C-alpha atoms as a PDB file:
ATOM      1  CA  MET A   1      47.945 149.096 115.864  1.00  0.00           C
ATOM      2  CA  LYS A   2      49.490 151.529 118.740  1.00  0.00           C
ATOM      3  CA  ALA A   3      47.678 154.649 120.185  1.00  0.00           C
ATOM      4  CA  LYS A   4      48.483 156.206 122.814  1.00  0.00           C
ATOM      5  CA  LEU A   5      46.340 158.492 124.827  1.00  0.00           C
ATOM      6  CA  GLY A   6      47.137 161.766 126.608  1.00  0.00           C
ATOM      7  CA  MET A   7      45.583 164.942 128.147  1.00  0.00           C
ATOM      8  CA  SER A   8      45.252 168.494 128.016  1.00  0.00           C
ATOM      9  CA  PRO A   9      45.645 170.564 131.780  1.00  0.00           C
ATOM     10  CA  ILE A  10      42.674 172.778 130.358  1.00  0.00           C
ATOM     11  CA  ALA A  11      40.761 169.682 132.467  1.00  0.00           C
ATOM     12  CA  TRP A  12      42.514 171.359 135.156  1.00  0.00           C
ATOM     13  CA  TRP A  13      43.552 174.908 134.597  1.00  0.00           C
ATOM     14  CA  ASN A  14      41.717 176.739 132.198  1.00  0.00           C
ATOM     15  CA  ASP A  15      44.211 179.941 130.414  1.00  0.00           C
ATOM     16  CA  ASP A  16      40.881 182.596 128.889  1.00  0.00           C
ATOM     17  CA  LEU A  17      37.988 181.749 132.130  1.00  0.00           C
ATOM     18  CA  ALA A  18      40.258 182.065 135.196  1.00  0.00           C
ATOM     19  CA  GLU A  19      37.048 180.796 137.256  1.00  0.00           C
ATOM     20  CA  LEU A  20      37.189 177.310 135.535  1.00  0.00           C
ATOM     21  CA  SER A  21      40.987 176.893 137.157  1.00  0.00           C
ATOM     22  CA  ASP A  22      41.223 174.514 140.366  1.00  0.00           C
ATOM     23  CA  ASP A  23      43.935 174.919 142.834  1.00  0.00           C
ATOM     24  CA  VAL A  24      45.808 172.562 141.724  1.00  0.00           C
ATOM     25  CA  SER A  25      49.509 172.265 141.392  1.00  0.00           C
ATOM     26  CA  LEU A  26      51.497 170.579 138.347  1.00  0.00           C
ATOM     27  CA  GLU A  27      52.712 167.309 139.566  1.00  0.00           C
ATOM     28  CA  GLU A  28      48.850 166.779 141.031  1.00  0.00           C
ATOM     29  CA  CYS A  29      48.033 167.658 137.882  1.00  0.00           C
ATOM     30  CA  LEU A  30      49.861 165.086 136.275  1.00  0.00           C
ATOM     31  CA  ARG A  31      49.569 162.309 139.321  1.00  0.00           C
ATOM     32  CA  GLN A  32      45.911 163.033 138.634  1.00  0.00           C
ATOM     33  CA  SER A  33      45.883 161.995 135.311  1.00  0.00           C
ATOM     34  CA  ARG A  34      48.130 159.337 135.495  1.00  0.00           C
ATOM     35  CA  SER A  35      46.459 157.560 137.959  1.00  0.00           C
ATOM     36  CA  ALA A  36      43.935 157.683 135.428  1.00  0.00           C
ATOM     37  CA  GLY A  37      45.640 156.134 132.722  1.00  0.00           C
ATOM     38  CA  PHE A  38      47.125 158.676 130.782  1.00  0.00           C
ATOM     39  CA  THR A  39      50.127 158.345 129.637  1.00  0.00           C
ATOM     40  CA  GLY A  40      51.374 162.185 128.173  1.00  0.00           C
ATOM     41  CA  MET A  41      49.909 164.991 128.925  1.00  0.00           C
ATOM     42  CA  GLU A  42      49.948 168.575 126.537  1.00  0.00           C
ATOM     43  CA  GLN A  43      52.108 171.419 127.943  1.00  0.00           C
ATOM     44  CA  GLY A  44      49.632 174.029 130.045  1.00  0.00           C
ATOM     45  CA  ARG A  45      51.017 177.317 131.762  1.00  0.00           C
ATOM     46  CA  ARG A  46      51.735 176.029 134.728  1.00  0.00           C
ATOM     47  CA  PHE A  47      54.815 173.932 133.177  1.00  0.00           C
ATOM     48  CA  PRO A  48      58.292 174.445 133.130  1.00  0.00           C
ATOM     49  CA  THR A  49      59.637 176.393 129.692  1.00  0.00           C
ATOM     50  CA  THR A  50      63.325 174.312 129.908  1.00  0.00           C
ATOM     51  CA  PRO A  51      63.982 170.652 130.031  1.00  0.00           C
ATOM     52  CA  GLY A  52      66.587 170.637 132.642  1.00  0.00           C
ATOM     53  CA  GLU A  53      63.417 171.527 135.235  1.00  0.00           C
ATOM     54  CA  MET A  54      60.839 169.655 133.044  1.00  0.00           C
ATOM     55  CA  LEU A  55      62.180 166.198 132.094  1.00  0.00           C
ATOM     56  CA  PRO A  56      62.221 165.483 135.809  1.00  0.00           C
ATOM     57  CA  ILE A  57      59.039 166.719 136.486  1.00  0.00           C
ATOM     58  CA  LEU A  58      57.840 164.346 133.523  1.00  0.00           C
ATOM     59  CA  LYS A  59      60.042 161.486 134.463  1.00  0.00           C
ATOM     60  CA  LYS A  60      58.888 161.146 138.468  1.00  0.00           C
ATOM     61  CA  ALA A  61      55.194 161.636 137.344  1.00  0.00           C
ATOM     62  CA  ASP A  62      56.201 158.739 135.119  1.00  0.00           C
ATOM     63  CA  VAL A  63      54.127 160.685 131.729  1.00  0.00           C
ATOM     64  CA  THR A  64      55.401 162.208 128.238  1.00  0.00           C
ATOM     65  CA  LEU A  65      54.496 165.732 127.010  1.00  0.00           C
ATOM     66  CA  CYS A  66      51.997 165.058 124.697  1.00  0.00           C
ATOM     67  CA  GLY A  67      52.007 168.097 122.949  1.00  0.00           C
ATOM     68  CA  GLY A  68      51.229 172.044 123.466  1.00  0.00           C
ATOM     69  CA  TRP A  69      49.490 174.960 121.810  1.00  0.00           C
ATOM     70  CA  PHE A  70      51.118 177.557 120.318  1.00  0.00           C
ATOM     71  CA  SER A  71      49.343 181.484 119.875  1.00  0.00           C
ATOM     72  CA  GLY A  72      49.949 181.750 115.917  1.00  0.00           C
ATOM     73  CA  THR A  73      49.577 185.018 114.094  1.00  0.00           C
ATOM     74  CA  LEU A  74      50.090 184.184 110.541  1.00  0.00           C
ATOM     75  CA  VAL A  75      46.760 185.445 109.339  1.00  0.00           C
ATOM     76  CA  ASN A  76      48.021 188.844 110.448  1.00  0.00           C
ATOM     77  CA  ASP A  77      51.689 188.652 110.332  1.00  0.00           C
ATOM     78  CA  GLU A  78      54.609 187.391 108.570  1.00  0.00           C
ATOM     79  CA  LEU A  79      56.662 184.201 108.690  1.00  0.00           C
ATOM     80  CA  ALA A  80      59.671 186.164 110.731  1.00  0.00           C
ATOM     81  CA  GLY A  81      57.270 187.235 113.478  1.00  0.00           C
ATOM     82  CA  ASN A  82      55.938 183.982 114.609  1.00  0.00           C
ATOM     83  CA  LYS A  83      59.813 181.668 113.581  1.00  0.00           C
ATOM     84  CA  ASP A  84      61.397 184.340 116.622  1.00  0.00           C
ATOM     85  CA  ARG A  85      58.330 183.662 118.982  1.00  0.00           C
ATOM     86  CA  ILE A  86      58.116 179.648 118.352  1.00  0.00           C
ATOM     87  CA  GLN A  87      62.018 179.174 118.103  1.00  0.00           C
ATOM     88  CA  PRO A  88      62.444 178.748 122.215  1.00  0.00           C
ATOM     89  CA  MET A  89      58.944 176.226 121.955  1.00  0.00           C
ATOM     90  CA  ILE A  90      60.896 173.829 118.897  1.00  0.00           C
ATOM     91  CA  ASP A  91      64.166 174.033 121.069  1.00  0.00           C
ATOM     92  CA  LEU A  92      62.404 172.522 124.012  1.00  0.00           C
ATOM     93  CA  PHE A  93      59.998 170.508 122.454  1.00  0.00           C
ATOM     94  CA  LYS A  94      62.985 168.687 120.792  1.00  0.00           C
ATOM     95  CA  ALA A  95      65.022 168.732 124.315  1.00  0.00           C
ATOM     96  CA  VAL A  96      61.957 166.429 126.015  1.00  0.00           C
ATOM     97  CA  ASP A  97      60.994 164.785 122.770  1.00  0.00           C
ATOM     98  CA  ALA A  98      57.179 165.776 121.979  1.00  0.00           C
ATOM     99  CA  PRO A  99      55.576 164.592 118.902  1.00  0.00           C
ATOM    100  CA  CYS A 100      54.427 167.398 117.375  1.00  0.00           C
ATOM    101  CA  ILE A 101      53.292 171.669 118.083  1.00  0.00           C
ATOM    102  CA  VAL A 102      50.133 172.546 117.616  1.00  0.00           C
ATOM    103  CA  TYR A 103      49.167 175.250 115.911  1.00  0.00           C
ATOM    104  CA  GLY A 104      46.607 177.634 116.723  1.00  0.00           C
ATOM    105  CA  GLU A 105      45.392 180.374 115.148  1.00  0.00           C
ATOM    106  CA  VAL A 106      44.707 183.804 117.287  1.00  0.00           C
ATOM    107  CA  GLY A 107      45.066 186.506 114.594  1.00  0.00           C
ATOM    108  CA  ARG A 108      41.675 187.776 114.181  1.00  0.00           C
ATOM    109  CA  SER A 109      39.987 184.897 116.435  1.00  0.00           C
ATOM    110  CA  ILE A 110      37.432 185.656 119.092  1.00  0.00           C
ATOM    111  CA  GLN A 111      37.957 182.510 120.835  1.00  0.00           C
ATOM    112  CA  GLY A 112      39.431 184.777 124.039  1.00  0.00           C
ATOM    113  CA  ASP A 113      36.994 187.233 123.741  1.00  0.00           C
ATOM    114  CA  ARG A 114      34.064 186.506 126.431  1.00  0.00           C
ATOM    115  CA  SER A 115      32.067 189.942 124.435  1.00  0.00           C
ATOM    116  CA  GLY A 116      33.081 188.578 121.045  1.00  0.00           C
ATOM    117  CA  PRO A 117      29.680 186.582 120.388  1.00  0.00           C
ATOM    118  CA  LEU A 118      29.916 183.669 117.922  1.00  0.00           C
ATOM    119  CA  ALA A 119      28.595 184.941 114.775  1.00  0.00           C
ATOM    120  CA  GLY A 120      31.239 187.428 115.087  1.00  0.00           C
ATOM    121  CA  LYS A 121      33.910 185.411 113.907  1.00  0.00           C
ATOM    122  CA  ALA A 122      36.570 186.480 110.953  1.00  0.00           C
ATOM    123  CA  VAL A 123      35.612 185.307 107.509  1.00  0.00           C
ATOM    124  CA  LEU A 124      37.970 184.309 105.195  1.00  0.00           C
ATOM    125  CA  SER A 125      37.687 185.519 101.227  1.00  0.00           C
ATOM    126  CA  ASP A 126      39.114 182.482  99.145  1.00  0.00           C
ATOM    127  CA  ASP A 127      42.254 184.949  97.837  1.00  0.00           C
ATOM    128  CA  GLU A 128      42.875 185.496 101.976  1.00  0.00           C
ATOM    129  CA  MET A 129      42.223 181.463 102.601  1.00  0.00           C
ATOM    130  CA  LYS A 130      44.714 180.720  99.806  1.00  0.00           C
ATOM    131  CA  VAL A 131      47.392 182.844 101.037  1.00  0.00           C
ATOM    132  CA  TYR A 132      46.894 182.343 104.363  1.00  0.00           C
ATOM    133  CA  ALA A 133      47.118 178.629 103.760  1.00  0.00           C
ATOM    134  CA  ARG A 134      50.504 178.616 101.732  1.00  0.00           C
ATOM    135  CA  LYS A 135      52.358 180.647 104.199  1.00  0.00           C
ATOM    136  CA  LEU A 136      50.997 178.131 106.831  1.00  0.00           C
ATOM    137  CA  THR A 137      52.247 175.469 104.805  1.00  0.00           C
ATOM    138  CA  ALA A 138      55.322 177.412 104.693  1.00  0.00           C
ATOM    139  CA  PHE A 139      55.908 178.284 108.565  1.00  0.00           C
ATOM    140  CA  GLY A 140      55.366 174.305 108.923  1.00  0.00           C
ATOM    141  CA  GLU A 141      58.128 173.171 106.529  1.00  0.00           C
ATOM    142  CA  TRP A 142      60.805 175.593 108.295  1.00  0.00           C
ATOM    143  CA  CYS A 143      59.643 173.696 111.256  1.00  0.00           C
ATOM    144  CA  ALA A 144      59.835 170.472 110.754  1.00  0.00           C
ATOM    145  CA  GLU A 145      63.402 171.299 108.915  1.00  0.00           C
ATOM    146  CA  GLN A 146      64.029 172.367 112.984  1.00  0.00           C
ATOM    147  CA  GLY A 147      62.889 169.274 113.620  1.00  0.00           C
ATOM    148  CA  MET A 148      59.857 169.491 115.442  1.00  0.00           C
ATOM    149  CA  PRO A 149      56.539 168.971 113.224  1.00  0.00           C
ATOM    150  CA  LEU A 150      53.496 171.123 113.510  1.00  0.00           C
ATOM    151  CA  SER A 151      49.650 170.494 113.697  1.00  0.00           C
ATOM    152  CA  TYR A 152      47.555 172.810 112.576  1.00  0.00           C
ATOM    153  CA  HIS A 153      43.946 173.020 114.781  1.00  0.00           C
ATOM    154  CA  HIS A 154      40.695 174.182 113.931  1.00  0.00           C
ATOM    155  CA  HIS A 155      38.892 175.847 115.752  1.00  0.00           C
ATOM    156  CA  MET A 156      36.185 177.119 117.372  1.00  0.00           C
ATOM    157  CA  ALA A 157      35.816 181.230 116.872  1.00  0.00           C
ATOM    158  CA  ALA A 158      39.271 181.168 114.623  1.00  0.00           C
ATOM    159  CA  VAL A 159      39.194 181.964 110.914  1.00  0.00           C
ATOM    160  CA  VAL A 160      39.353 177.974 110.460  1.00  0.00           C
ATOM    161  CA  GLN A 161      36.126 177.137 112.510  1.00  0.00           C
ATOM    162  CA  PHE A 162      33.394 175.554 109.884  1.00  0.00           C
ATOM    163  CA  GLU A 163      34.368 172.154 108.397  1.00  0.00           C
ATOM    164  CA  HIS A 164      33.945 174.384 104.652  1.00  0.00           C
ATOM    165  CA  GLU A 165      36.772 176.423 106.220  1.00  0.00           C
ATOM    166  CA  LEU A 166      38.941 173.336 106.628  1.00  0.00           C
ATOM    167  CA  ASP A 167      37.870 172.334 103.501  1.00  0.00           C
ATOM    168  CA  ALA A 168      39.593 174.779 101.852  1.00  0.00           C
ATOM    169  CA  PHE A 169      42.744 175.305 104.123  1.00  0.00           C
ATOM    170  CA  MET A 170      43.918 171.793 103.604  1.00  0.00           C
ATOM    171  CA  ARG A 171      42.681 172.515  99.666  1.00  0.00           C
ATOM    172  CA  HIS A 172      45.086 175.358  99.940  1.00  0.00           C
ATOM    173  CA  SER A 173      47.399 174.035 102.132  1.00  0.00           C
ATOM    174  CA  GLY A 174      50.210 171.703 101.412  1.00  0.00           C
ATOM    175  CA  GLU A 175      51.278 168.759 103.484  1.00  0.00           C
ATOM    176  CA  GLY A 176      53.751 170.721 104.465  1.00  0.00           C
ATOM    177  CA  ILE A 177      50.947 171.881 107.393  1.00  0.00           C
ATOM    178  CA  PRO A 178      50.119 168.611 109.470  1.00  0.00           C
ATOM    179  CA  LEU A 179      46.397 168.238 110.393  1.00  0.00           C
ATOM    180  CA  LEU A 180      45.093 168.460 114.268  1.00  0.00           C
ATOM    181  CA  LEU A 181      41.529 166.822 114.189  1.00  0.00           C
ATOM    182  CA  ASP A 182      40.093 167.908 117.138  1.00  0.00           C
ATOM    183  CA  ALA A 183      36.519 165.955 117.235  1.00  0.00           C
ATOM    184  CA  GLY A 184      34.529 168.746 119.594  1.00  0.00           C
ATOM    185  CA  HIS A 185      35.022 171.823 117.922  1.00  0.00           C
ATOM    186  CA  LEU A 186      34.148 170.584 114.414  1.00  0.00           C
ATOM    187  CA  ALA A 187      30.891 169.145 115.877  1.00  0.00           C
ATOM    188  CA  PHE A 188      30.701 172.382 117.766  1.00  0.00           C
ATOM    189  CA  ALA A 189      30.568 174.145 114.264  1.00  0.00           C
ATOM    190  CA  GLY A 190      27.875 171.480 112.821  1.00  0.00           C
ATOM    191  CA  GLY A 191      30.483 169.625 111.005  1.00  0.00           C
ATOM    192  CA  ASP A 192      30.660 166.020 110.697  1.00  0.00           C
ATOM    193  CA  VAL A 193      33.427 164.535 111.950  1.00  0.00           C
ATOM    194  CA  LEU A 194      33.579 161.024 110.060  1.00  0.00           C
ATOM    195  CA  ARG A 195      33.301 163.025 106.533  1.00  0.00           C
ATOM    196  CA  ALA A 196      36.529 165.197 107.939  1.00  0.00           C
ATOM    197  CA  ILE A 197      38.385 161.710 108.600  1.00  0.00           C
ATOM    198  CA  ASP A 198      37.807 160.734 105.380  1.00  0.00           C
ATOM    199  CA  ASN A 199      38.523 163.379 103.723  1.00  0.00           C
ATOM    200  CA  HIS A 200      41.630 164.698 105.034  1.00  0.00           C
ATOM    201  CA  HIS A 201      43.161 161.737 106.531  1.00  0.00           C
ATOM    202  CA  LYS A 202      46.086 161.576 104.692  1.00  0.00           C
ATOM    203  CA  ARG A 203      47.390 164.858 106.614  1.00  0.00           C
ATOM    204  CA  ILE A 204      46.246 164.189 110.339  1.00  0.00           C
ATOM    205  CA  ASN A 205      49.035 163.857 113.653  1.00  0.00           C
ATOM    206  CA  HIS A 206      47.035 164.698 116.660  1.00  0.00           C
ATOM    207  CA  VAL A 207      43.940 163.922 117.347  1.00  0.00           C
ATOM    208  CA  HIS A 208      41.892 165.639 120.198  1.00  0.00           C
ATOM    209  CA  VAL A 209      38.987 163.491 121.435  1.00  0.00           C
ATOM    210  CA  LYS A 210      37.071 166.575 123.056  1.00  0.00           C
ATOM    211  CA  ASP A 211      33.327 165.423 123.431  1.00  0.00           C
ATOM    212  CA  VAL A 212      30.219 168.007 123.572  1.00  0.00           C
ATOM    213  CA  ARG A 213      27.068 168.242 124.754  1.00  0.00           C
ATOM    214  CA  MET A 214      24.426 169.400 122.115  1.00  0.00           C
ATOM    215  CA  ASP A 215      21.670 170.412 124.421  1.00  0.00           C
ATOM    216  CA  VAL A 216      24.122 172.900 125.067  1.00  0.00           C
ATOM    217  CA  ILE A 217      25.411 174.111 122.000  1.00  0.00           C
ATOM    218  CA  GLY A 218      22.498 173.563 119.930  1.00  0.00           C
ATOM    219  CA  ALA A 219      20.723 176.675 122.889  1.00  0.00           C
ATOM    220  CA  LEU A 220      23.479 179.011 122.374  1.00  0.00           C
ATOM    221  CA  ASP A 221      22.237 182.326 121.158  1.00  0.00           C
ATOM    222  CA  TRP A 222      25.071 182.641 118.797  1.00  0.00           C
ATOM    223  CA  THR A 223      24.287 186.623 118.110  1.00  0.00           C
ATOM    224  CA  LYS A 224      24.239 187.437 121.580  1.00  0.00           C
ATOM    225  CA  GLN A 225      26.939 184.517 123.512  1.00  0.00           C
ATOM    226  CA  SER A 226      30.604 184.207 122.550  1.00  0.00           C
ATOM    227  CA  PHE A 227      32.975 180.634 122.821  1.00  0.00           C
ATOM    228  CA  LEU A 228      33.710 181.288 126.368  1.00  0.00           C
ATOM    229  CA  ASP A 229      29.797 181.456 127.461  1.00  0.00           C
ATOM    230  CA  ALA A 230      29.687 178.068 125.352  1.00  0.00           C
ATOM    231  CA  VAL A 231      32.699 177.012 127.167  1.00  0.00           C
ATOM    232  CA  ALA A 232      31.215 178.244 130.771  1.00  0.00           C
ATOM    233  CA  LEU A 233      27.820 176.597 130.010  1.00  0.00           C
ATOM    234  CA  GLY A 234      29.223 173.069 129.643  1.00  0.00           C
ATOM    235  CA  ALA A 235      29.775 172.879 125.926  1.00  0.00           C
ATOM    236  CA  PHE A 236      32.398 169.979 126.638  1.00  0.00           C
ATOM    237  CA  THR A 237      33.127 167.186 128.129  1.00  0.00           C
ATOM    238  CA  VAL A 238      35.102 163.964 128.046  1.00  0.00           C
ATOM    239  CA  PRO A 239      34.602 160.985 125.479  1.00  0.00           C
ATOM    240  CA  GLY A 240      31.988 158.955 127.482  1.00  0.00           C
ATOM    241  CA  ASP A 241      30.073 162.160 128.942  1.00  0.00           C
ATOM    242  CA  GLY A 242      28.616 163.769 125.934  1.00  0.00           C
ATOM    243  CA  SER A 243      27.198 163.604 122.715  1.00  0.00           C
ATOM    244  CA  LEU A 244      29.389 161.969 120.250  1.00  0.00           C
ATOM    245  CA  ASP A 245      30.030 158.399 119.306  1.00  0.00           C
ATOM    246  CA  PHE A 246      33.455 158.062 119.862  1.00  0.00           C
ATOM    247  CA  GLY A 247      32.934 154.225 118.873  1.00  0.00           C
ATOM    248  CA  LYS A 248      32.577 155.620 114.859  1.00  0.00           C
ATOM    249  CA  ILE A 249      35.138 157.619 115.344  1.00  0.00           C
ATOM    250  CA  VAL A 250      37.913 155.620 116.728  1.00  0.00           C
ATOM    251  CA  GLN A 251      37.073 152.767 114.229  1.00  0.00           C
ATOM    252  CA  LYS A 252      37.206 155.609 111.652  1.00  0.00           C
ATOM    253  CA  PHE A 253      41.143 155.978 112.511  1.00  0.00           C
ATOM    254  CA  ALA A 254      41.970 152.764 112.606  1.00  0.00           C
ATOM    255  CA  ASP A 255      40.064 152.116 108.962  1.00  0.00           C
ATOM    256  CA  TYR A 256      43.241 154.443 108.034  1.00  0.00           C
ATOM    257  CA  GLY A 257      45.830 153.270 109.889  1.00  0.00           C
ATOM    258  CA  TYR A 258      46.263 156.048 112.521  1.00  0.00           C
ATOM    259  CA  GLU A 259      48.718 155.541 114.991  1.00  0.00           C
ATOM    260  CA  GLY A 260      49.561 157.954 117.244  1.00  0.00           C
ATOM    261  CA  TRP A 261      48.146 160.385 120.235  1.00  0.00           C
ATOM    262  CA  PHE A 262      44.521 160.743 121.077  1.00  0.00           C
ATOM    263  CA  VAL A 263      44.894 163.064 123.431  1.00  0.00           C
ATOM    264  CA  VAL A 264      41.621 164.694 125.751  1.00  0.00           C
ATOM    265  CA  GLU A 265      40.667 168.105 126.324  1.00  0.00           C
ATOM    266  CA  ALA A 266      38.024 168.897 127.738  1.00  0.00           C
ATOM    267  CA  GLU A 267      37.461 171.975 128.972  1.00  0.00           C
ATOM    268  CA  GLN A 268      34.389 172.360 131.757  1.00  0.00           C
ATOM    269  CA  ASP A 269      34.405 173.894 135.520  1.00  0.00           C
ATOM    270  CA  PRO A 270      36.229 171.470 136.939  1.00  0.00           C
ATOM    271  CA  LYS A 271      33.756 171.835 140.587  1.00  0.00           C
ATOM    272  CA  LYS A 272      31.246 170.578 138.697  1.00  0.00           C
ATOM    273  CA  ASN A 273      33.245 167.945 137.011  1.00  0.00           C
ATOM    274  CA  PRO A 274      36.285 167.309 138.918  1.00  0.00           C
ATOM    275  CA  PRO A 275      39.168 166.527 136.748  1.00  0.00           C
ATOM    276  CA  LEU A 276      40.025 162.998 138.332  1.00  0.00           C
ATOM    277  CA  LYS A 277      36.788 161.587 138.014  1.00  0.00           C
ATOM    278  CA  MET A 278      36.405 163.105 134.481  1.00  0.00           C
ATOM    279  CA  ALA A 279      39.616 161.554 133.680  1.00  0.00           C
ATOM    280  CA  GLU A 280      39.057 158.625 134.202  1.00  0.00           C
ATOM    281  CA  VAL A 281      35.753 158.708 132.268  1.00  0.00           C
ATOM    282  CA  GLY A 282      37.554 159.756 129.256  1.00  0.00           C
ATOM    283  CA  HIS A 283      39.708 156.569 130.082  1.00  0.00           C
ATOM    284  CA  ALA A 284      37.200 154.219 130.384  1.00  0.00           C
ATOM    285  CA  GLU A 285      36.055 155.440 127.294  1.00  0.00           C
ATOM    286  CA  LEU A 286      38.583 154.713 125.654  1.00  0.00           C
ATOM    287  CA  MET A 287      40.138 151.870 126.222  1.00  0.00           C
ATOM    288  CA  ARG A 288      35.950 150.405 125.307  1.00  0.00           C
ATOM    289  CA  VAL A 289      36.255 151.917 121.798  1.00  0.00           C
ATOM    290  CA  MET A 290      39.747 151.780 121.050  1.00  0.00           C
ATOM    291  CA  THR A 291      39.823 148.032 121.910  1.00  0.00           C
ATOM    292  CA  ALA A 292      37.453 147.669 119.964  1.00  0.00           C
ATOM    293  CA  ALA A 293      39.046 149.180 116.938  1.00  0.00           C
ATOM    294  CA  GLY A 294      41.797 147.291 116.958  1.00  0.00           C
ATOM    295  CA  TYR A 295      44.110 149.381 118.776  1.00  0.00           C
ATOM    296  CA  THR A 296      46.736 148.546 121.100  1.00  0.00           C
ATOM    297  CA  VAL A 297      47.427 151.046 124.054  1.00  0.00           C
ATOM    298  CA  GLU A 298      50.676 151.499 124.621  1.00  0.00           C
ATOM    299  CA  THR A 299      51.397 151.893 128.740  1.00  0.00           C
ATOM    300  CA  GLN A 300      54.508 152.796 129.217  1.00  0.00           C
ATOM    301  CA  GLY A 301      55.307 157.226 130.801  1.00  0.00           C
ATOM    302  CA  PHE A 302      57.985 158.492 130.897  1.00  0.00           C
ATOM    303  CA  PRO A 303      60.658 156.312 128.545  1.00  0.00           C
ATOM    304  CA  ASN A 304      62.732 154.404 130.435  1.00  0.00           C
ATOM    305  CA  ALA A 305      61.274 155.272 133.793  1.00  0.00           C
END
């Protein structure tokens, strides 16, 4: 079985918490992650938005674009507006041969609102979830028809946060909307990561290997503190530095024959947790557990570099 290891630039620059950002260039971010062993990087705010600008940067760094976040609003809005907004991203991602676009729901979400306590997140009724899931299925099918698959990201403080919400979303949606399984977000929400893989492995096409510090999460007051408060306090980290057993998690993916990207997405304070050091810790742990699970980790970065 083959796997690829990527990172998210959120370890260097946090779009929602400016104080959790390191003042480094895109080129330096890519250099650091590549030197740690990662061959891919998800899109961040310092990336150019045209293939003519992006491809030379990726080639020089010897990395490939392994995904990127789209802020979807389908829980509130219709397909047409979201199609218009995602089309340039589809065109770009096709041109640079990215594997998928990560769909993150921001409608009714408090993930970017530091004044919104965790307990105040929106909850969909069963009927609302049915409508939402069917709309996402149609959107995913349309994106695939354009040549770029989506990967649905369940997320803290969003409408699909808890494991039972993920189960309901998956039950009411179809194969047209694949799933991104994020170990850290599910564990933060009190979910069982291994059980979720068992239940939904057939639809998983992208994986975020985000670790958590359960002592930080356990001390949160959900009636007063927000998702961003939790991030600032250090709720997330890289594999090998937190509370999750990635040996068991990666083995579970291997048991189901998952092949593809495992992306480290660990937003935390880069001054307390230097991104290069964290990248090295995460890569070493993933190589350890992936080798044990029988994976061959691909080492090629930019194609034919």
